[in-house]
Amino acid sequence: MRISHGIPVQAEAPVALTIGNFDGVHLGHQAMLAGLKEAANRLGLATCVMIFEPHPREFFAPDKAPTRLTSLREKLELLAAAGVDRVQVCRFNFDFARISAEDFIVHILQQGLAVRWILVGDDFRFGARRAGDFAMLKAFSAQCGFEVEEMPGYIVDGVRVSSTAVRKALAAGDLDFVKRLLGRPYSISGRVVSGDKLGKKIGFPTANIQLKHNRAPLSGIFAVEVEIETHGATEPSSATDTVSALQGVASLGVRPTVHEHGNPVLEVYLFDFDREIYGQHLRVHFLRKLRDEEKYPDLETLITQIGRDVEDAKRYFSSLSSVSPPTEKSLLHKSN
């Protein structure tokens, strides 16, 4: 997959395009990508996805912006896995925000990208003051030489699939519903960094995973499966080498027993695992929420609770094994 930043003055080749933030790349996004690929194959075009970095709401009101479901790297990995040919990453700043809807169509879509076919959601808006919509794209389509189609909302269990719906389900700890909205378990990936070594001192050594943002869309203690990426590349790839998924318990939160005012930390204790993995990239799949984060009166009480969490997670994985015999592939991948 080719990743480009900014918009070229003149396009190299025509494309079929869809535009959006694609946070989470949920089932609604996946339906759009499938429609994009079908049209591109029919018209002999490359597929292109335009995304924005940062999210416009992060730019205008960072304190009120929603938590991200995916970092830029994670989003690009998911788009690559979906078979997208090209991603155009547009830096959202004051200059970009001031582009009129008409200029967006003529200078970006027509000249910069040579769009021949475009698919947008039914709530899509673009240009300064969000003045552009599907009707405007339709009005300009003939003179600018592209076809435009609108995609209706994607419904699961009576709920319109959206990044907002995924965030609400994550905040509620309903990981089964999250999986139905995403078509896969929710995951966070990041590099293993050095921590305060407390886990090792109390008998539960953890991998501390670097979070890209100081807010996460979920918190608590979870049963997880973890993949260790072994390719060592710095750029996202759809062909990442991984080891078989490892089972464990993850804590995602501020660790109130240890720190009075800490930033969110993702720590994972892997069962029967003693390899050195500092600097490696891990993907943590959240399968079941065990409990909320709590503050305990002392370290001994915390250690006792961690032991209970480990046993609860092992019982959860054992229940999965009793329903469906395990294979060489993880239970996570069997379900997709």
Protein backbone atom coordinates (compact mmCIF):
# COMPACT_ATOMS: atom_id res chain seq x y z
CA MET A 1 0.00 0.00 0.00
CA ARG A 2 1.30 3.43 -0.92
CA ILE A 3 1.07 6.13 1.77
CA SER A 4 1.24 9.78 0.63
CA HIS A 5 1.12 12.95 2.71
CA GLY A 6 -0.53 16.13 1.50
CA ILE A 7 -2.16 16.65 -1.89
CA PRO A 8 -0.13 16.80 -5.13
CA VAL A 9 -0.65 19.79 -7.41
CA GLN A 10 -1.27 17.45 -10.32
CA ALA A 11 -2.33 13.81 -10.10
CA GLU A 12 -0.19 11.04 -11.56
CA ALA A 13 -3.08 8.67 -12.34
CA PRO A 14 -6.86 8.59 -11.81
CA VAL A 15 -8.33 6.88 -8.74
CA ALA A 16 -11.52 5.66 -7.14
CA LEU A 17 -11.78 7.48 -3.82
CA THR A 18 -13.51 7.45 -0.48
CA ILE A 19 -13.00 10.04 2.26
CA GLY A 20 -13.29 9.92 6.02
CA ASN A 21 -11.54 9.58 9.36
CA PHE A 22 -11.93 5.78 9.40
CA ASP A 23 -11.30 5.66 13.15
CA GLY A 24 -11.54 2.01 14.14
CA VAL A 25 -12.18 0.79 10.57
CA HIS A 26 -15.47 -0.75 11.77
CA LEU A 27 -17.97 -2.76 9.70
CA GLY A 28 -19.46 0.40 8.19
CA HIS A 29 -16.02 1.46 7.01
CA GLN A 30 -15.33 -2.05 5.75
CA ALA A 31 -18.54 -1.96 3.70
CA MET A 32 -17.38 1.32 2.14
CA LEU A 33 -13.99 -0.18 1.31
CA ALA A 34 -15.67 -3.18 -0.29
CA GLY A 35 -17.80 -0.86 -2.43
CA LEU A 36 -14.72 1.16 -3.33
CA LYS A 37 -12.80 -1.94 -4.43
CA GLU A 38 -15.73 -3.23 -6.49
CA ALA A 39 -16.04 0.06 -8.39
CA ALA A 40 -12.28 0.38 -8.84
CA ASN A 41 -12.06 -3.12 -10.32
CA ARG A 42 -14.98 -2.39 -12.64
CA LEU A 43 -13.45 0.88 -13.86
CA GLY A 44 -9.81 -0.22 -13.92
CA LEU A 45 -8.75 2.28 -11.24
CA ALA A 46 -6.56 2.19 -8.14
CA THR A 47 -8.35 2.50 -4.79
CA CYS A 48 -7.53 5.55 -2.70
CA VAL A 49 -8.64 6.50 0.83
CA MET A 50 -8.30 10.08 2.06
CA ILE A 51 -7.92 10.47 5.83
CA PHE A 52 -7.11 13.45 8.05
CA GLU A 53 -4.40 13.85 10.67
CA PRO A 54 -5.16 15.05 13.25
CA HIS A 55 -8.91 14.42 13.41
CA PRO A 56 -10.63 17.80 12.74
CA ARG A 57 -12.27 17.73 16.16
CA GLU A 58 -8.86 17.18 17.77
CA PHE A 59 -7.60 20.24 15.94
CA PHE A 60 -10.45 22.59 16.80
CA ALA A 61 -11.25 21.39 20.35
CA PRO A 62 -8.61 18.97 21.65
CA ASP A 63 -10.12 18.86 25.15
CA LYS A 64 -13.54 17.89 23.79
CA ALA A 65 -12.46 15.57 20.98
CA PRO A 66 -13.49 11.91 21.25
CA THR A 67 -10.90 9.34 22.26
CA ARG A 68 -9.22 7.63 19.35
CA LEU A 69 -10.02 4.01 18.61
CA THR A 70 -6.90 3.62 16.48
CA SER A 71 -3.58 5.39 16.18
CA LEU A 72 -2.48 6.47 12.70
CA ARG A 73 -0.24 3.40 12.44
CA GLU A 74 -3.08 1.04 13.46
CA LYS A 75 -5.46 2.69 11.01
CA LEU A 76 -2.98 2.34 8.16
CA GLU A 77 -2.38 -1.32 9.04
CA LEU A 78 -6.12 -2.01 8.92
CA LEU A 79 -6.51 -0.20 5.59
CA ALA A 80 -3.58 -2.17 4.17
CA ALA A 81 -5.14 -5.42 5.38
CA ALA A 82 -8.38 -4.41 3.61
CA GLY A 83 -6.49 -4.26 0.30
CA VAL A 84 -6.43 -0.48 -0.23
CA ASP A 85 -3.91 0.56 -2.90
CA ARG A 86 -3.20 4.07 -1.66
CA VAL A 87 -3.86 6.25 1.37
CA GLN A 88 -3.70 10.04 1.16
CA VAL A 89 -2.97 11.47 4.62
CA CYS A 90 -4.04 15.12 4.71
CA ARG A 91 -2.65 17.27 7.51
CA PHE A 92 -5.61 19.09 9.02
CA ASN A 93 -4.60 22.63 9.99
CA PHE A 94 -5.98 26.18 9.64
CA ASP A 95 -5.02 26.37 5.95
CA PHE A 96 -6.80 23.11 5.18
CA ALA A 97 -9.83 24.12 7.25
CA ARG A 98 -10.18 27.33 5.21
CA ILE A 99 -10.44 25.56 1.84
CA SER A 100 -13.89 26.22 0.39
CA ALA A 101 -16.03 23.28 -0.65
CA GLU A 102 -15.78 24.36 -4.30
CA ASP A 103 -11.97 24.55 -4.16
CA PHE A 104 -11.85 21.19 -2.43
CA ILE A 105 -13.69 19.64 -5.36
CA VAL A 106 -11.75 21.38 -8.14
CA HIS A 107 -8.22 21.62 -6.74
CA ILE A 108 -8.05 18.50 -4.56
CA LEU A 109 -10.46 15.96 -6.05
CA GLN A 110 -10.23 16.91 -9.73
CA GLN A 111 -6.67 18.24 -10.13
CA GLY A 112 -4.69 16.79 -7.22
CA LEU A 113 -6.14 13.29 -7.21
CA ALA A 114 -7.85 12.91 -10.62
CA VAL A 115 -10.87 11.26 -9.01
CA ARG A 116 -13.04 9.33 -11.46
CA TRP A 117 -15.37 7.70 -8.92
CA ILE A 118 -16.08 8.70 -5.32
CA LEU A 119 -18.03 7.08 -2.51
CA VAL A 120 -19.08 9.05 0.60
CA GLY A 121 -21.24 8.33 3.62
CA ASP A 122 -24.74 9.79 3.93
CA ASP A 123 -23.52 12.17 6.65
CA PHE A 124 -20.39 13.35 4.81
CA ARG A 125 -19.52 17.06 4.93
CA PHE A 126 -16.44 18.86 3.60
CA GLY A 127 -14.93 22.29 3.01
CA ALA A 128 -14.89 25.43 5.14
CA ARG A 129 -17.79 25.54 7.59
CA ARG A 130 -18.74 22.04 6.39
CA ALA A 131 -20.55 23.66 3.47
CA GLY A 132 -20.05 20.75 1.04
CA ASP A 133 -22.20 17.63 0.95
CA PHE A 134 -23.30 14.84 -1.38
CA ALA A 135 -25.61 17.15 -3.32
CA MET A 136 -22.73 19.52 -4.11
CA LEU A 137 -20.51 16.63 -5.25
CA LYS A 138 -23.34 15.47 -7.49
CA ALA A 139 -23.74 18.96 -8.95
CA PHE A 140 -20.02 19.21 -9.79
CA SER A 141 -19.61 15.60 -10.96
CA ALA A 142 -20.31 16.13 -14.67
CA GLN A 143 -18.03 19.14 -15.14
CA CYS A 144 -15.24 17.58 -13.04
CA GLY A 145 -15.44 14.18 -14.70
CA PHE A 146 -16.27 11.87 -11.81
CA GLU A 147 -19.15 9.68 -10.68
CA VAL A 148 -20.33 9.99 -7.09
CA GLU A 149 -22.27 7.53 -4.93
CA GLU A 150 -23.62 7.78 -1.41
CA MET A 151 -23.48 4.93 1.11
CA PRO A 152 -26.29 4.55 3.64
CA GLY A 153 -25.64 3.71 7.29
CA TYR A 154 -24.62 0.16 8.19
CA ILE A 155 -26.85 -1.42 10.86
CA VAL A 156 -25.92 -4.15 13.37
CA ASP A 157 -28.43 -5.34 16.01
CA GLY A 158 -30.56 -2.27 15.32
CA VAL A 159 -27.65 0.13 15.90
CA ARG A 160 -26.03 2.28 13.24
CA VAL A 161 -22.38 1.26 13.19
CA SER A 162 -20.16 4.25 13.90
CA SER A 163 -16.99 5.13 15.75
CA THR A 164 -19.20 6.73 18.40
CA ALA A 165 -21.14 3.49 18.88
CA VAL A 166 -17.88 1.57 19.27
CA ARG A 167 -16.63 4.06 21.87
CA LYS A 168 -19.85 3.75 23.87
CA ALA A 169 -19.65 -0.05 23.86
CA LEU A 170 -15.98 0.06 24.91
CA ALA A 171 -16.72 2.50 27.73
CA ALA A 172 -19.49 0.15 28.92
CA GLY A 173 -17.13 -2.85 28.79
CA ASP A 174 -19.38 -4.68 26.30
CA LEU A 175 -16.59 -6.29 24.30
CA ASP A 176 -18.90 -8.82 22.65
CA PHE A 177 -20.91 -5.98 21.09
CA VAL A 178 -17.69 -4.18 20.18
CA LYS A 179 -16.64 -7.28 18.27
CA ARG A 180 -19.94 -7.29 16.38
CA LEU A 181 -19.46 -3.62 15.43
CA LEU A 182 -15.84 -4.07 14.34
CA GLY A 183 -16.03 -7.58 12.91
CA ARG A 184 -13.05 -8.43 15.15
CA PRO A 185 -12.01 -7.96 18.78
CA TYR A 186 -10.86 -4.47 19.73
CA SER A 187 -7.09 -4.17 19.94
CA ILE A 188 -4.35 -1.71 20.86
CA SER A 189 -0.83 -2.04 19.50
CA GLY A 190 2.39 -0.44 20.61
CA ARG A 191 6.02 -0.91 21.46
CA VAL A 192 7.14 -2.50 24.73
CA VAL A 193 8.90 0.11 26.86
CA SER A 194 10.63 0.04 30.22
CA GLY A 195 8.36 0.51 33.23
CA ASP A 196 8.88 0.87 36.98
CA LYS A 197 9.54 -2.92 37.32
CA LEU A 198 6.85 -3.19 40.04
CA GLY A 199 5.18 -6.17 38.34
CA LYS A 200 8.40 -8.18 38.45
CA LYS A 201 8.94 -7.32 42.12
CA ILE A 202 5.49 -8.60 43.13
CA GLY A 203 5.65 -11.79 41.07
CA PHE A 204 3.65 -10.69 38.02
CA PRO A 205 6.14 -9.30 35.44
CA THR A 206 4.34 -7.23 32.83
CA ALA A 207 5.02 -5.86 29.37
CA ASN A 208 4.42 -2.11 29.41
CA ILE A 209 3.04 -0.99 26.06
CA GLN A 210 3.52 2.56 24.89
CA LEU A 211 0.22 4.36 24.31
CA LYS A 212 0.09 6.93 21.51
CA HIS A 213 -2.36 9.13 23.40
CA ASN A 214 -3.06 9.95 27.05
CA ARG A 215 -6.68 8.85 26.71
CA ALA A 216 -7.93 5.38 25.89
CA PRO A 217 -11.51 4.41 24.94
CA LEU A 218 -11.68 1.72 27.65
CA SER A 219 -10.25 1.02 31.09
CA GLY A 220 -10.13 -1.80 33.58
CA ILE A 221 -8.76 -5.32 33.85
CA PHE A 222 -9.18 -7.64 30.84
CA ALA A 223 -8.58 -11.15 29.56
CA VAL A 224 -6.50 -10.64 26.42
CA GLU A 225 -4.68 -12.35 23.61
CA VAL A 226 -1.39 -10.81 22.50
CA GLU A 227 0.53 -11.05 19.25
CA ILE A 228 4.20 -10.18 19.16
CA GLU A 229 5.14 -8.69 15.79
CA THR A 230 8.57 -9.86 14.69
CA HIS A 231 9.23 -8.05 11.40
CA GLY A 232 10.77 -5.03 13.16
CA ALA A 233 9.63 -2.61 10.45
CA THR A 234 8.91 1.02 11.27
CA GLU A 235 6.23 1.40 8.59
CA PRO A 236 2.79 -0.22 8.87
CA SER A 237 2.43 -3.41 6.88
CA SER A 238 -0.33 -5.84 6.06
CA ALA A 239 2.21 -8.67 5.98
CA THR A 240 3.48 -8.45 9.56
CA ASP A 241 5.02 -11.63 10.96
CA THR A 242 3.59 -12.61 14.35
CA VAL A 243 3.96 -15.40 16.86
CA SER A 244 0.91 -17.42 17.88
CA ALA A 245 -1.43 -15.43 20.11
CA LEU A 246 -0.46 -15.57 23.78
CA GLN A 247 -3.02 -15.44 26.58
CA GLY A 248 -2.84 -13.11 29.52
CA VAL A 249 -4.34 -10.37 31.68
CA ALA A 250 -4.10 -6.68 30.83
CA SER A 251 -4.53 -3.64 33.03
CA LEU A 252 -5.40 -0.39 31.29
CA GLY A 253 -5.71 2.61 33.55
CA VAL A 254 -3.96 5.02 35.89
CA ARG A 255 -3.02 2.42 38.57
CA PRO A 256 -4.52 4.35 41.52
CA THR A 257 -3.00 2.04 44.16
CA VAL A 258 0.51 2.84 42.90
CA HIS A 259 0.21 6.42 41.58
CA GLU A 260 -1.93 9.24 42.89
CA HIS A 261 -2.16 11.14 39.58
CA GLY A 262 -0.80 8.89 36.84
CA ASN A 263 -1.31 8.80 33.10
CA PRO A 264 -3.04 5.76 31.57
CA VAL A 265 -0.75 2.74 31.27
CA LEU A 266 -1.30 -0.53 29.40
CA GLU A 267 0.38 -3.44 31.17
CA VAL A 268 0.08 -7.08 30.13
CA TYR A 269 0.94 -10.16 32.18
CA LEU A 270 1.40 -13.13 29.83
CA PHE A 271 0.83 -16.66 31.12
CA ASP A 272 3.86 -18.99 31.11
CA PHE A 273 6.05 -16.48 29.29
CA ASP A 274 9.57 -15.39 30.21
CA ARG A 275 11.14 -13.97 27.02
CA GLU A 276 12.79 -10.55 26.83
CA ILE A 277 10.64 -8.42 24.52
CA TYR A 278 11.67 -4.81 25.20
CA GLY A 279 11.45 -2.75 22.02
CA GLN A 280 9.18 -5.21 20.21
CA HIS A 281 5.75 -4.29 18.89
CA LEU A 282 2.75 -5.99 20.53
CA ARG A 283 -0.91 -6.11 19.54
CA VAL A 284 -3.28 -6.64 22.47
CA HIS A 285 -6.75 -8.03 21.67
CA PHE A 286 -9.31 -7.30 24.42
CA LEU A 287 -11.64 -10.30 24.76
CA ARG A 288 -13.42 -10.00 28.11
CA LYS A 289 -13.60 -7.31 30.78
CA LEU A 290 -12.98 -8.84 34.20
CA ARG A 291 -13.53 -5.78 36.40
CA ASP A 292 -13.07 -2.04 36.76
CA GLU A 293 -9.84 -0.55 38.04
CA GLU A 294 -9.81 -0.07 41.82
CA LYS A 295 -7.67 1.59 44.47
CA TYR A 296 -6.57 -0.78 47.23
CA PRO A 297 -5.38 0.14 50.74
CA ASP A 298 -1.97 -1.51 50.32
CA LEU A 299 0.24 -3.45 47.93
CA GLU A 300 -0.55 -6.82 49.53
CA THR A 301 -4.26 -6.40 48.79
CA LEU A 302 -3.40 -5.48 45.20
CA ILE A 303 -1.21 -8.59 44.81
CA THR A 304 -4.02 -10.80 46.09
CA GLN A 305 -6.47 -9.24 43.62
CA ILE A 306 -4.04 -9.67 40.71
CA GLY A 307 -3.86 -13.38 41.58
CA ARG A 308 -7.67 -13.56 41.41
CA ASP A 309 -7.65 -11.73 38.06
CA VAL A 310 -5.20 -14.26 36.63
CA GLU A 311 -7.38 -17.16 37.79
CA ASP A 312 -10.52 -15.49 36.39
CA ALA A 313 -8.84 -14.99 33.02
CA LYS A 314 -7.62 -18.59 32.93
CA ARG A 315 -11.16 -19.81 33.67
CA TYR A 316 -12.44 -17.64 30.81
CA PHE A 317 -9.95 -19.13 28.34
CA SER A 318 -10.68 -22.62 29.68
CA SER A 319 -14.40 -22.08 29.01
CA LEU A 320 -13.61 -21.15 25.42
CA SER A 321 -11.52 -24.30 25.00
CA SER A 322 -14.35 -26.47 26.31
CA VAL A 323 -16.74 -25.03 23.72
CA SER A 324 -14.41 -25.42 20.75
CA PRO A 325 -11.25 -27.57 20.73
CA PRO A 326 -8.12 -25.43 20.34
CA THR A 327 -6.06 -25.58 17.17
CA GLU A 328 -2.64 -24.26 16.26
CA LYS A 329 -4.29 -20.93 15.48
CA SER A 330 -5.61 -18.78 18.30
CA LEU A 331 -9.24 -18.77 19.35
CA LEU A 332 -9.25 -15.12 18.35
CA HIS A 333 -8.52 -15.97 14.72
CA LYS A 334 -10.91 -18.92 14.67
CA SER A 335 -13.77 -16.50 15.34
CA ASN A 336 -13.06 -14.25 12.34
